[in-house]
């Protein structure tokens, strides 16, 4: 069972979040499966669940969480 089944986001929103997190991790030399990578994903998902759809805003949320 995937935990993604419990996240109330549509496929497009999930793609935006994962794309933003992948790019952020690549730009910052962070392994997606590391503690910082997981923190980035959590920050982006939290912001998306709050209604944010902008990749820029999601990236800013990740930066704030990893400051």
Protein backbone atom coordinates (compact mmCIF):
# COMPACT_ATOMS: atom_id res chain seq x y z
CA UNK A 1 0.00 0.00 0.00
CA UNK A 2 1.31 3.41 -0.94
CA UNK A 3 1.13 6.33 1.44
CA UNK A 4 0.35 8.48 -1.58
CA UNK A 5 -3.16 7.01 -1.48
CA UNK A 6 -3.73 9.02 1.69
CA UNK A 7 -2.59 12.37 0.30
CA UNK A 8 -5.55 14.34 -1.06
CA UNK A 9 -3.76 15.71 -4.14
CA UNK A 10 -4.43 14.91 -7.76
CA UNK A 11 -1.87 13.40 -10.11
CA UNK A 12 -0.80 16.76 -11.54
CA UNK A 13 -0.19 18.26 -8.08
CA UNK A 14 1.87 15.23 -7.08
CA UNK A 15 3.95 15.57 -10.25
CA UNK A 16 4.59 19.26 -9.53
CA UNK A 17 5.68 18.49 -5.96
CA UNK A 18 7.97 15.63 -6.95
CA UNK A 19 9.49 17.63 -9.82
CA UNK A 20 10.20 20.59 -7.54
CA UNK A 21 11.74 18.36 -4.87
CA UNK A 22 13.88 16.47 -7.41
CA UNK A 23 15.17 19.74 -8.89
CA UNK A 24 15.81 21.24 -5.47
CA UNK A 25 17.74 18.17 -4.36
CA UNK A 26 19.79 18.11 -7.57
CA UNK A 27 20.56 21.84 -7.30
CA UNK A 28 21.66 21.48 -3.67
CA UNK A 29 23.53 18.18 -3.97
CA UNK A 30 21.06 16.45 -1.66
CA UNK A 31 20.13 12.80 -2.00
CA UNK A 32 16.35 12.51 -2.30
CA UNK A 33 16.42 9.63 0.17
CA UNK A 34 18.43 11.54 2.79
CA UNK A 35 17.10 13.34 5.85
CA UNK A 36 17.28 16.69 4.00
CA UNK A 37 15.60 15.17 0.96
CA UNK A 38 12.75 13.83 3.06
CA UNK A 39 12.46 17.21 4.82
CA UNK A 40 12.25 18.87 1.40
CA UNK A 41 9.46 16.50 0.35
CA UNK A 42 7.55 17.09 3.59
CA UNK A 43 7.83 20.87 3.23
CA UNK A 44 6.63 20.76 -0.37
CA UNK A 45 3.75 18.40 0.39
CA UNK A 46 2.66 20.48 3.40
CA UNK A 47 2.65 23.64 1.28
CA UNK A 48 0.79 21.92 -1.57
CA UNK A 49 -1.82 20.59 0.84
CA UNK A 50 -2.30 24.17 2.05
CA UNK A 51 -3.30 25.04 -1.52
CA UNK A 52 -0.06 26.30 -3.03
CA UNK A 53 0.40 25.27 -6.67
CA UNK A 54 3.35 27.43 -7.72
CA UNK A 55 6.68 25.60 -8.16
CA UNK A 56 8.48 28.77 -7.04
CA UNK A 57 6.50 28.93 -3.79
CA UNK A 58 7.05 25.22 -3.18
CA UNK A 59 10.78 25.68 -3.68
CA UNK A 60 10.76 28.65 -1.27
CA UNK A 61 9.00 26.46 1.33
CA UNK A 62 11.73 23.84 0.91
CA UNK A 63 14.44 26.49 1.32
CA UNK A 64 12.80 27.77 4.49
CA UNK A 65 12.53 24.26 5.94
CA UNK A 66 16.18 23.53 5.17
CA UNK A 67 17.60 26.83 6.36
